[in-house]
Amino acid sequence: MLEVECKWTPNKVQEAKLAYGTASLEHPGVKMVAWERGKYYIGGKLTGFELPKRVFPCATPSQVRASLPPFTDIVVFQCRNPVHRAHYELFTRALQADNVRPGSVCLVHPTCGPTQDDDIPGIVRFHTYEVLKKELNDPRIRCLQQCKTHSKTTSDKSGMQLLESMGMRNSNAARSHQPQICA
């Protein structure tokens, strides 16, 4: 339930530039901001009645944070696709980087949202991460359950906001699949 505290007319050009780095209608996210969102935005306190039911387990931001060790660096790899070899190499080697302190952990954080007709279904992606967890068997690499997001709106900025909602700061979400160090 939303307790409305404010209503405003958004600057959609500025929103698109800040979220997607462009205001071009060729970008699907910009197109969504321009054509699918209403004339007014509202904001306020949001209260949930119960967690949504999913076909696979999902962790809330507070559950993700609680599963991580306190006061240590967290190298985060966030992806919405099934794991492929380049992903695997990135996050299995990330903890060996020069700028990563001993005792750090790598959070492999898959996300899943609405898909297009030609996308791999979320449940299939979920199973790829389950297999990965079993194969890695490394306590420093944490493969968490998927956190459901709306992939149409997932940008570098919204990925960062999702990480910040879990209590992770100083992160830089990147489309280049570069693992990020979060304090």
N, C-alpha and C. Protein backbone atom coordinates (compact mmCIF):
# COMPACT_ATOMS: atom_id res chain seq x y z
N MET A 1 0.85 -1.15 0.00
CA MET A 1 0.00 0.00 0.00
C MET A 1 0.91 1.23 0.00
N LEU A 2 0.57 2.22 -0.81
CA LEU A 2 1.35 3.45 -0.89
C LEU A 2 0.64 4.56 -0.14
N GLU A 3 1.34 5.14 0.81
CA GLU A 3 0.85 6.32 1.52
C GLU A 3 1.43 7.52 0.79
N VAL A 4 0.62 8.16 -0.05
CA VAL A 4 1.10 9.22 -0.94
C VAL A 4 1.54 10.42 -0.12
N GLU A 5 2.79 10.82 -0.33
CA GLU A 5 3.35 11.98 0.35
C GLU A 5 3.65 13.12 -0.60
N CYS A 6 3.81 12.79 -1.90
CA CYS A 6 4.09 13.85 -2.87
C CYS A 6 3.66 13.42 -4.27
N LYS A 7 3.41 14.42 -5.11
CA LYS A 7 3.03 14.21 -6.51
C LYS A 7 3.78 15.26 -7.31
N TRP A 8 4.34 14.87 -8.47
CA TRP A 8 5.07 15.83 -9.28
C TRP A 8 5.02 15.46 -10.75
N THR A 9 5.34 16.44 -11.56
CA THR A 9 5.48 16.23 -13.00
C THR A 9 6.96 15.96 -13.25
N PRO A 10 7.30 14.78 -13.75
CA PRO A 10 8.71 14.44 -13.93
C PRO A 10 9.34 15.12 -15.14
N ASN A 11 10.65 15.29 -15.06
CA ASN A 11 11.43 15.71 -16.22
C ASN A 11 11.96 14.41 -16.83
N LYS A 12 11.22 13.88 -17.80
CA LYS A 12 11.54 12.56 -18.34
C LYS A 12 12.84 12.54 -19.14
N VAL A 13 13.20 13.66 -19.75
CA VAL A 13 14.47 13.72 -20.48
C VAL A 13 15.62 13.58 -19.50
N GLN A 14 15.56 14.34 -18.41
CA GLN A 14 16.61 14.26 -17.39
C GLN A 14 16.64 12.86 -16.76
N GLU A 15 15.48 12.30 -16.48
CA GLU A 15 15.40 10.96 -15.90
C GLU A 15 16.08 9.93 -16.81
N ALA A 16 15.78 10.01 -18.10
CA ALA A 16 16.36 9.07 -19.06
C ALA A 16 17.88 9.23 -19.13
N LYS A 17 18.34 10.48 -19.18
CA LYS A 17 19.79 10.71 -19.25
C LYS A 17 20.50 10.19 -18.01
N LEU A 18 19.91 10.41 -16.84
CA LEU A 18 20.53 9.95 -15.60
C LEU A 18 20.47 8.43 -15.45
N ALA A 19 19.38 7.82 -15.87
CA ALA A 19 19.23 6.37 -15.71
C ALA A 19 19.93 5.57 -16.80
N TYR A 20 19.86 6.07 -18.04
CA TYR A 20 20.36 5.28 -19.17
C TYR A 20 21.51 5.92 -19.93
N GLY A 21 21.87 7.15 -19.56
CA GLY A 21 22.98 7.81 -20.24
C GLY A 21 22.63 8.37 -21.60
N THR A 22 21.35 8.37 -21.94
CA THR A 22 20.89 8.88 -23.23
C THR A 22 19.42 9.26 -23.12
N ALA A 23 18.99 10.14 -24.01
CA ALA A 23 17.57 10.48 -24.11
C ALA A 23 17.02 10.01 -25.45
N SER A 24 17.78 9.20 -26.17
CA SER A 24 17.37 8.70 -27.48
C SER A 24 16.23 7.69 -27.35
N LEU A 25 15.19 7.90 -28.12
CA LEU A 25 14.06 6.98 -28.10
C LEU A 25 14.39 5.62 -28.73
N GLU A 26 15.59 5.50 -29.28
CA GLU A 26 16.04 4.20 -29.79
C GLU A 26 16.34 3.24 -28.64
N HIS A 27 16.63 3.79 -27.47
CA HIS A 27 16.93 2.97 -26.29
C HIS A 27 15.61 2.47 -25.69
N PRO A 28 15.47 1.15 -25.45
CA PRO A 28 14.20 0.63 -24.94
C PRO A 28 13.80 1.19 -23.58
N GLY A 29 14.77 1.47 -22.72
CA GLY A 29 14.45 2.05 -21.42
C GLY A 29 13.92 3.47 -21.55
N VAL A 30 14.53 4.24 -22.44
CA VAL A 30 14.07 5.61 -22.68
C VAL A 30 12.66 5.58 -23.27
N LYS A 31 12.44 4.67 -24.19
CA LYS A 31 11.12 4.53 -24.80
C LYS A 31 10.07 4.22 -23.73
N MET A 32 10.42 3.36 -22.79
CA MET A 32 9.51 3.01 -21.71
C MET A 32 9.21 4.22 -20.83
N VAL A 33 10.25 5.00 -20.49
CA VAL A 33 10.04 6.20 -19.68
C VAL A 33 9.13 7.18 -20.42
N ALA A 34 9.39 7.37 -21.71
CA ALA A 34 8.64 8.36 -22.49
C ALA A 34 7.20 7.95 -22.75
N TRP A 35 6.97 6.69 -23.05
CA TRP A 35 5.66 6.28 -23.55
C TRP A 35 4.81 5.48 -22.58
N GLU A 36 5.43 4.78 -21.65
CA GLU A 36 4.65 3.90 -20.77
C GLU A 36 4.38 4.50 -19.40
N ARG A 37 5.16 5.46 -18.99
CA ARG A 37 4.93 6.07 -17.68
C ARG A 37 3.98 7.25 -17.82
N GLY A 38 3.24 7.51 -16.77
CA GLY A 38 2.21 8.54 -16.80
C GLY A 38 2.75 9.96 -16.75
N LYS A 39 1.82 10.90 -16.80
CA LYS A 39 2.15 12.33 -16.79
C LYS A 39 2.66 12.77 -15.42
N TYR A 40 2.18 12.13 -14.37
CA TYR A 40 2.57 12.48 -13.01
C TYR A 40 3.20 11.27 -12.32
N TYR A 41 4.11 11.57 -11.38
CA TYR A 41 4.69 10.54 -10.52
C TYR A 41 4.19 10.82 -9.11
N ILE A 42 4.07 9.77 -8.31
CA ILE A 42 3.73 9.93 -6.91
C ILE A 42 4.76 9.17 -6.08
N GLY A 43 4.96 9.63 -4.87
CA GLY A 43 5.91 8.98 -3.99
C GLY A 43 5.41 8.99 -2.57
N GLY A 44 5.98 8.14 -1.75
CA GLY A 44 5.61 8.09 -0.35
C GLY A 44 6.04 6.78 0.27
N LYS A 45 5.52 6.53 1.44
CA LYS A 45 5.88 5.32 2.18
C LYS A 45 5.12 4.13 1.60
N LEU A 46 5.87 3.07 1.32
CA LEU A 46 5.31 1.85 0.75
C LEU A 46 5.33 0.75 1.80
N THR A 47 4.18 0.15 2.04
CA THR A 47 4.07 -0.93 3.01
C THR A 47 3.57 -2.17 2.29
N GLY A 48 4.31 -3.26 2.43
CA GLY A 48 3.90 -4.52 1.81
C GLY A 48 3.10 -5.35 2.79
N PHE A 49 2.15 -6.09 2.26
CA PHE A 49 1.34 -6.96 3.10
C PHE A 49 1.95 -8.35 3.21
N GLU A 50 2.52 -8.83 2.13
CA GLU A 50 3.21 -10.12 2.13
C GLU A 50 4.16 -10.15 0.94
N LEU A 51 5.14 -11.03 1.03
CA LEU A 51 6.08 -11.17 -0.08
C LEU A 51 5.39 -11.84 -1.26
N PRO A 52 5.76 -11.46 -2.48
CA PRO A 52 5.16 -12.09 -3.65
C PRO A 52 5.51 -13.58 -3.72
N LYS A 53 4.64 -14.35 -4.31
CA LYS A 53 4.89 -15.78 -4.52
C LYS A 53 5.67 -15.93 -5.82
N ARG A 54 6.73 -16.72 -5.80
CA ARG A 54 7.58 -16.93 -6.97
C ARG A 54 7.70 -18.42 -7.27
N VAL A 55 8.09 -18.74 -8.49
CA VAL A 55 8.32 -20.14 -8.84
C VAL A 55 9.69 -20.60 -8.37
N PHE A 56 10.53 -19.67 -7.92
CA PHE A 56 11.82 -20.00 -7.35
C PHE A 56 12.03 -19.08 -6.17
N PRO A 57 12.86 -19.49 -5.19
CA PRO A 57 13.04 -18.66 -4.00
C PRO A 57 13.75 -17.35 -4.32
N CYS A 58 13.32 -16.30 -3.67
CA CYS A 58 13.93 -14.97 -3.83
C CYS A 58 14.28 -14.43 -2.46
N ALA A 59 15.38 -13.72 -2.37
CA ALA A 59 15.80 -13.11 -1.11
C ALA A 59 15.45 -11.63 -1.12
N THR A 60 15.02 -11.12 0.02
CA THR A 60 14.79 -9.68 0.15
C THR A 60 16.15 -9.00 0.34
N PRO A 61 16.21 -7.68 0.14
CA PRO A 61 17.49 -6.99 0.39
C PRO A 61 18.03 -7.22 1.80
N SER A 62 17.17 -7.21 2.81
CA SER A 62 17.67 -7.43 4.18
C SER A 62 18.16 -8.86 4.37
N GLN A 63 17.53 -9.83 3.72
CA GLN A 63 18.00 -11.22 3.80
C GLN A 63 19.36 -11.38 3.12
N VAL A 64 19.55 -10.70 2.00
CA VAL A 64 20.85 -10.76 1.31
C VAL A 64 21.93 -10.20 2.22
N ARG A 65 21.68 -9.02 2.78
CA ARG A 65 22.67 -8.37 3.64
C ARG A 65 22.99 -9.23 4.85
N ALA A 66 21.97 -9.83 5.46
CA ALA A 66 22.18 -10.65 6.65
C ALA A 66 23.01 -11.90 6.35
N SER A 67 23.00 -12.35 5.11
CA SER A 67 23.76 -13.56 4.76
C SER A 67 25.23 -13.28 4.51
N LEU A 68 25.62 -12.01 4.48
CA LEU A 68 27.00 -11.64 4.18
C LEU A 68 27.75 -11.30 5.46
N PRO A 69 29.05 -11.55 5.49
CA PRO A 69 29.83 -11.23 6.69
C PRO A 69 29.92 -9.72 6.89
N PRO A 70 29.84 -9.26 8.13
CA PRO A 70 29.93 -7.82 8.38
C PRO A 70 31.37 -7.32 8.25
N PHE A 71 31.50 -6.05 7.96
CA PHE A 71 32.80 -5.36 7.96
C PHE A 71 33.83 -5.98 7.03
N THR A 72 33.41 -6.40 5.88
CA THR A 72 34.35 -6.93 4.90
C THR A 72 33.95 -6.44 3.52
N ASP A 73 34.90 -6.47 2.60
CA ASP A 73 34.59 -6.10 1.22
C ASP A 73 33.73 -7.18 0.59
N ILE A 74 32.78 -6.75 -0.21
CA ILE A 74 31.94 -7.67 -0.97
C ILE A 74 32.15 -7.34 -2.45
N VAL A 75 32.65 -8.28 -3.21
CA VAL A 75 32.77 -8.13 -4.65
C VAL A 75 31.47 -8.65 -5.24
N VAL A 76 30.75 -7.79 -5.94
CA VAL A 76 29.41 -8.15 -6.42
C VAL A 76 29.42 -8.38 -7.93
N PHE A 77 28.86 -9.50 -8.32
CA PHE A 77 28.62 -9.77 -9.74
C PHE A 77 27.12 -9.93 -9.90
N GLN A 78 26.51 -8.98 -10.60
CA GLN A 78 25.06 -9.00 -10.79
C GLN A 78 24.75 -9.19 -12.27
N CYS A 79 23.92 -10.16 -12.57
CA CYS A 79 23.63 -10.48 -13.96
C CYS A 79 22.21 -11.00 -14.08
N ARG A 80 21.58 -10.71 -15.21
CA ARG A 80 20.22 -11.20 -15.43
C ARG A 80 20.18 -12.39 -16.37
N ASN A 81 21.32 -12.83 -16.84
CA ASN A 81 21.39 -13.92 -17.82
C ASN A 81 21.90 -15.20 -17.18
N PRO A 82 21.70 -16.35 -17.85
CA PRO A 82 22.33 -17.58 -17.36
C PRO A 82 23.85 -17.41 -17.36
N VAL A 83 24.51 -18.10 -16.47
CA VAL A 83 25.96 -18.00 -16.37
C VAL A 83 26.61 -18.61 -17.61
N HIS A 84 27.54 -17.88 -18.19
CA HIS A 84 28.36 -18.46 -19.25
C HIS A 84 29.82 -18.38 -18.82
N ARG A 85 30.71 -18.90 -19.62
CA ARG A 85 32.11 -19.07 -19.23
C ARG A 85 32.78 -17.75 -18.82
N ALA A 86 32.53 -16.67 -19.55
CA ALA A 86 33.15 -15.39 -19.20
C ALA A 86 32.68 -14.91 -17.83
N HIS A 87 31.38 -15.07 -17.54
CA HIS A 87 30.87 -14.71 -16.21
C HIS A 87 31.60 -15.52 -15.14
N TYR A 88 31.66 -16.81 -15.36
CA TYR A 88 32.28 -17.71 -14.41
C TYR A 88 33.72 -17.29 -14.11
N GLU A 89 34.48 -17.00 -15.16
CA GLU A 89 35.87 -16.59 -14.98
C GLU A 89 35.96 -15.27 -14.22
N LEU A 90 35.06 -14.33 -14.51
CA LEU A 90 35.08 -13.04 -13.81
C LEU A 90 34.91 -13.20 -12.31
N PHE A 91 33.85 -13.89 -11.90
CA PHE A 91 33.63 -13.89 -10.46
C PHE A 91 34.45 -14.92 -9.71
N THR A 92 34.96 -15.96 -10.37
CA THR A 92 35.83 -16.88 -9.65
C THR A 92 37.23 -16.29 -9.46
N ARG A 93 37.63 -15.39 -10.34
CA ARG A 93 38.95 -14.75 -10.22
C ARG A 93 38.91 -13.40 -9.52
N ALA A 94 37.73 -12.85 -9.31
CA ALA A 94 37.60 -11.50 -8.75
C ALA A 94 38.26 -11.36 -7.39
N LEU A 95 38.18 -12.37 -6.57
CA LEU A 95 38.74 -12.29 -5.23
C LEU A 95 40.26 -12.28 -5.22
N GLN A 96 40.88 -12.58 -6.35
CA GLN A 96 42.34 -12.58 -6.45
C GLN A 96 42.89 -11.23 -6.93
N ALA A 97 42.01 -10.27 -7.21
CA ALA A 97 42.45 -8.97 -7.73
C ALA A 97 43.28 -8.23 -6.68
N ASP A 98 44.21 -7.40 -7.14
CA ASP A 98 45.11 -6.67 -6.25
C ASP A 98 44.37 -5.73 -5.29
N ASN A 99 43.23 -5.18 -5.72
CA ASN A 99 42.53 -4.21 -4.89
C ASN A 99 41.47 -4.86 -3.99
N VAL A 100 41.47 -6.17 -3.88
CA VAL A 100 40.53 -6.88 -3.02
C VAL A 100 41.27 -7.40 -1.80
N ARG A 101 40.79 -6.99 -0.62
CA ARG A 101 41.44 -7.38 0.63
C ARG A 101 41.20 -8.84 0.98
N PRO A 102 42.13 -9.45 1.71
CA PRO A 102 41.92 -10.83 2.19
C PRO A 102 40.65 -10.91 3.03
N GLY A 103 39.97 -12.02 2.95
CA GLY A 103 38.74 -12.20 3.72
C GLY A 103 37.50 -11.69 3.02
N SER A 104 37.67 -11.10 1.86
CA SER A 104 36.51 -10.61 1.11
C SER A 104 35.72 -11.77 0.54
N VAL A 105 34.47 -11.50 0.21
CA VAL A 105 33.64 -12.52 -0.43
C VAL A 105 33.07 -11.97 -1.72
N CYS A 106 32.72 -12.87 -2.62
CA CYS A 106 32.11 -12.50 -3.89
C CYS A 106 30.64 -12.88 -3.84
N LEU A 107 29.78 -11.91 -4.04
CA LEU A 107 28.34 -12.13 -4.08
C LEU A 107 27.91 -12.25 -5.54
N VAL A 108 27.52 -13.44 -5.93
CA VAL A 108 26.95 -13.64 -7.27
C VAL A 108 25.45 -13.44 -7.09
N HIS A 109 24.96 -12.34 -7.65
CA HIS A 109 23.60 -11.90 -7.37
C HIS A 109 22.78 -11.85 -8.66
N PRO A 110 22.16 -12.97 -9.03
CA PRO A 110 21.34 -12.97 -10.24
C PRO A 110 20.03 -12.23 -10.01
N THR A 111 19.55 -11.58 -11.04
CA THR A 111 18.24 -10.94 -10.98
C THR A 111 17.38 -11.51 -12.10
N CYS A 112 16.09 -11.42 -11.92
CA CYS A 112 15.18 -11.93 -12.94
C CYS A 112 13.91 -11.11 -12.90
N GLY A 113 13.45 -10.71 -14.05
CA GLY A 113 12.21 -9.95 -14.15
C GLY A 113 11.43 -10.41 -15.36
N PRO A 114 10.48 -9.60 -15.79
CA PRO A 114 9.70 -9.97 -16.97
C PRO A 114 10.61 -10.23 -18.16
N THR A 115 10.26 -11.21 -18.95
CA THR A 115 11.09 -11.59 -20.09
C THR A 115 10.36 -11.32 -21.40
N GLN A 116 11.14 -11.31 -22.47
CA GLN A 116 10.57 -11.21 -23.81
C GLN A 116 10.39 -12.63 -24.34
N ASP A 117 9.67 -12.75 -25.44
CA ASP A 117 9.37 -14.08 -25.99
C ASP A 117 10.62 -14.91 -26.28
N ASP A 118 11.70 -14.25 -26.71
CA ASP A 118 12.90 -15.00 -27.09
C ASP A 118 13.92 -15.12 -25.96
N ASP A 119 13.58 -14.67 -24.75
CA ASP A 119 14.48 -14.78 -23.61
C ASP A 119 14.43 -16.19 -23.01
N ILE A 120 15.51 -16.54 -22.33
CA ILE A 120 15.54 -17.79 -21.58
C ILE A 120 14.68 -17.60 -20.34
N PRO A 121 13.74 -18.50 -20.06
CA PRO A 121 12.84 -18.32 -18.92
C PRO A 121 13.59 -18.20 -17.59
N GLY A 122 13.01 -17.45 -16.66
CA GLY A 122 13.62 -17.24 -15.36
C GLY A 122 13.93 -18.51 -14.61
N ILE A 123 13.05 -19.49 -14.69
CA ILE A 123 13.27 -20.74 -13.96
C ILE A 123 14.50 -21.48 -14.49
N VAL A 124 14.77 -21.38 -15.79
CA VAL A 124 15.97 -21.99 -16.37
C VAL A 124 17.21 -21.27 -15.87
N ARG A 125 17.14 -19.92 -15.85
CA ARG A 125 18.27 -19.15 -15.33
C ARG A 125 18.54 -19.51 -13.87
N PHE A 126 17.46 -19.63 -13.11
CA PHE A 126 17.58 -20.00 -11.70
C PHE A 126 18.34 -21.32 -11.56
N HIS A 127 18.00 -22.31 -12.37
CA HIS A 127 18.66 -23.61 -12.28
C HIS A 127 20.15 -23.53 -12.63
N THR A 128 20.54 -22.62 -13.54
CA THR A 128 21.98 -22.49 -13.85
C THR A 128 22.75 -22.02 -12.63
N TYR A 129 22.16 -21.14 -11.83
CA TYR A 129 22.84 -20.66 -10.63
C TYR A 129 22.85 -21.73 -9.54
N GLU A 130 21.81 -22.55 -9.47
CA GLU A 130 21.79 -23.66 -8.51
C GLU A 130 22.91 -24.65 -8.81
N VAL A 131 23.11 -24.98 -10.08
CA VAL A 131 24.19 -25.88 -10.48
C VAL A 131 25.54 -25.25 -10.14
N LEU A 132 25.66 -23.95 -10.41
CA LEU A 132 26.90 -23.24 -10.11
C LEU A 132 27.24 -23.31 -8.62
N LYS A 133 26.25 -23.10 -7.75
CA LYS A 133 26.49 -23.17 -6.31
C LYS A 133 27.09 -24.52 -5.92
N LYS A 134 26.53 -25.58 -6.45
CA LYS A 134 27.01 -26.93 -6.12
C LYS A 134 28.42 -27.16 -6.65
N GLU A 135 28.69 -26.69 -7.86
CA GLU A 135 30.01 -26.93 -8.46
C GLU A 135 31.11 -26.12 -7.80
N LEU A 136 30.82 -24.87 -7.43
CA LEU A 136 31.86 -24.02 -6.83
C LEU A 136 32.25 -24.50 -5.45
N ASN A 137 31.27 -24.73 -4.59
CA ASN A 137 31.53 -25.19 -3.23
C ASN A 137 32.66 -24.40 -2.57
N ASP A 138 32.60 -23.07 -2.71
CA ASP A 138 33.61 -22.16 -2.15
C ASP A 138 32.90 -21.18 -1.23
N PRO A 139 33.19 -21.21 0.08
CA PRO A 139 32.48 -20.33 1.01
C PRO A 139 32.71 -18.84 0.74
N ARG A 140 33.78 -18.50 0.00
CA ARG A 140 34.01 -17.08 -0.30
C ARG A 140 33.20 -16.61 -1.49
N ILE A 141 32.59 -17.52 -2.22
CA ILE A 141 31.73 -17.13 -3.35
C ILE A 141 30.30 -17.49 -2.97
N ARG A 142 29.48 -16.47 -2.79
CA ARG A 142 28.10 -16.65 -2.35
C ARG A 142 27.16 -16.48 -3.53
N CYS A 143 26.52 -17.54 -3.92
CA CYS A 143 25.50 -17.47 -4.97
C CYS A 143 24.16 -17.41 -4.27
N LEU A 144 23.55 -16.25 -4.32
CA LEU A 144 22.28 -16.07 -3.63
C LEU A 144 21.11 -16.33 -4.56
N GLN A 145 19.96 -16.53 -3.94
CA GLN A 145 18.75 -16.69 -4.72
C GLN A 145 18.45 -15.38 -5.43
N GLN A 146 17.72 -15.49 -6.49
CA GLN A 146 17.45 -14.33 -7.31
C GLN A 146 16.57 -13.32 -6.59
N CYS A 147 16.89 -12.08 -6.82
CA CYS A 147 16.07 -10.99 -6.32
C CYS A 147 15.26 -10.50 -7.51
N LYS A 148 13.98 -10.59 -7.41
CA LYS A 148 13.11 -10.25 -8.54
C LYS A 148 13.16 -8.76 -8.80
N THR A 149 13.45 -8.39 -10.03
CA THR A 149 13.43 -6.99 -10.44
C THR A 149 12.65 -6.88 -11.72
N HIS A 150 12.30 -5.69 -12.05
CA HIS A 150 11.61 -5.43 -13.31
C HIS A 150 12.69 -5.11 -14.32
N SER A 151 13.06 -6.08 -15.15
CA SER A 151 14.23 -5.92 -16.01
C SER A 151 14.06 -4.82 -17.04
N LYS A 152 12.82 -4.41 -17.35
CA LYS A 152 12.65 -3.31 -18.30
C LYS A 152 13.23 -2.02 -17.74
N THR A 153 13.24 -1.90 -16.41
CA THR A 153 13.73 -0.67 -15.82
C THR A 153 15.12 -0.82 -15.22
N THR A 154 15.70 -1.98 -15.33
CA THR A 154 17.01 -2.18 -14.75
C THR A 154 18.07 -1.49 -15.59
N SER A 155 18.71 -0.51 -15.00
CA SER A 155 19.80 0.21 -15.64
C SER A 155 20.99 0.12 -14.71
N ASP A 156 22.10 0.71 -15.11
CA ASP A 156 23.25 0.74 -14.21
C ASP A 156 22.85 1.40 -12.89
N LYS A 157 22.07 2.48 -12.98
CA LYS A 157 21.68 3.21 -11.77
C LYS A 157 20.74 2.37 -10.91
N SER A 158 19.74 1.73 -11.52
CA SER A 158 18.81 0.96 -10.70
C SER A 158 19.49 -0.28 -10.11
N GLY A 159 20.47 -0.84 -10.82
CA GLY A 159 21.24 -1.94 -10.25
C GLY A 159 22.00 -1.48 -9.02
N MET A 160 22.55 -0.28 -9.09
CA MET A 160 23.26 0.29 -7.95
C MET A 160 22.29 0.56 -6.81
N GLN A 161 21.08 1.07 -7.13
CA GLN A 161 20.10 1.32 -6.08
C GLN A 161 19.69 0.02 -5.40
N LEU A 162 19.58 -1.06 -6.18
CA LEU A 162 19.25 -2.35 -5.60
C LEU A 162 20.34 -2.79 -4.63
N LEU A 163 21.60 -2.64 -5.01
CA LEU A 163 22.71 -2.99 -4.12
C LEU A 163 22.70 -2.11 -2.88
N GLU A 164 22.43 -0.81 -3.05
CA GLU A 164 22.40 0.09 -1.90
C GLU A 164 21.26 -0.26 -0.96
N SER A 165 20.14 -0.78 -1.50
CA SER A 165 19.03 -1.17 -0.63
C SER A 165 19.42 -2.35 0.26
N MET A 166 20.47 -3.06 -0.11
CA MET A 166 20.97 -4.17 0.70
C MET A 166 22.04 -3.70 1.68
N GLY A 167 22.27 -2.40 1.74
CA GLY A 167 23.25 -1.86 2.66
C GLY A 167 24.65 -1.79 2.10
N MET A 168 24.80 -1.98 0.80
CA MET A 168 26.12 -1.93 0.17
C MET A 168 26.35 -0.55 -0.41
N ARG A 169 27.45 0.06 -0.06
CA ARG A 169 27.76 1.42 -0.50
C ARG A 169 29.04 1.39 -1.33
N ASN A 170 29.36 2.53 -1.91
CA ASN A 170 30.60 2.70 -2.69
C ASN A 170 30.70 1.70 -3.83
N SER A 171 29.57 1.37 -4.41
CA SER A 171 29.60 0.43 -5.52
C SER A 171 29.37 1.17 -6.82
N ASN A 172 29.85 0.61 -7.89
CA ASN A 172 29.64 1.16 -9.22
C ASN A 172 29.10 0.05 -10.10
N ALA A 173 27.80 0.02 -10.29
CA ALA A 173 27.22 -1.00 -11.16
C ALA A 173 27.68 -0.73 -12.58
N ALA A 174 28.03 -1.76 -13.29
CA ALA A 174 28.57 -1.56 -14.64
C ALA A 174 28.01 -2.59 -15.60
N ARG A 175 27.66 -2.14 -16.79
CA ARG A 175 27.14 -3.02 -17.82
C ARG A 175 28.22 -3.91 -18.40
N SER A 176 29.47 -3.60 -18.14
CA SER A 176 30.56 -4.35 -18.74
C SER A 176 30.79 -5.69 -18.05
N HIS A 177 29.91 -6.05 -17.11
CA HIS A 177 30.05 -7.27 -16.32
C HIS A 177 31.30 -7.24 -15.45
N GLN A 178 31.78 -6.05 -15.15
CA GLN A 178 32.94 -5.89 -14.27
C GLN A 178 32.48 -6.10 -12.83
N PRO A 179 33.02 -7.07 -12.11
CA PRO A 179 32.64 -7.21 -10.71
C PRO A 179 32.97 -5.94 -9.93
N GLN A 180 32.14 -5.61 -8.98
CA GLN A 180 32.30 -4.38 -8.23
C GLN A 180 32.63 -4.69 -6.78
N ILE A 181 33.44 -3.85 -6.17
CA ILE A 181 33.78 -4.00 -4.77
C ILE A 181 32.88 -3.07 -3.98
N CYS A 182 32.15 -3.62 -3.04
CA CYS A 182 31.24 -2.84 -2.22
C CYS A 182 31.67 -2.94 -0.77
N ALA A 183 31.73 -1.81 -0.09
CA ALA A 183 32.10 -1.83 1.32
C ALA A 183 30.89 -2.09 2.18
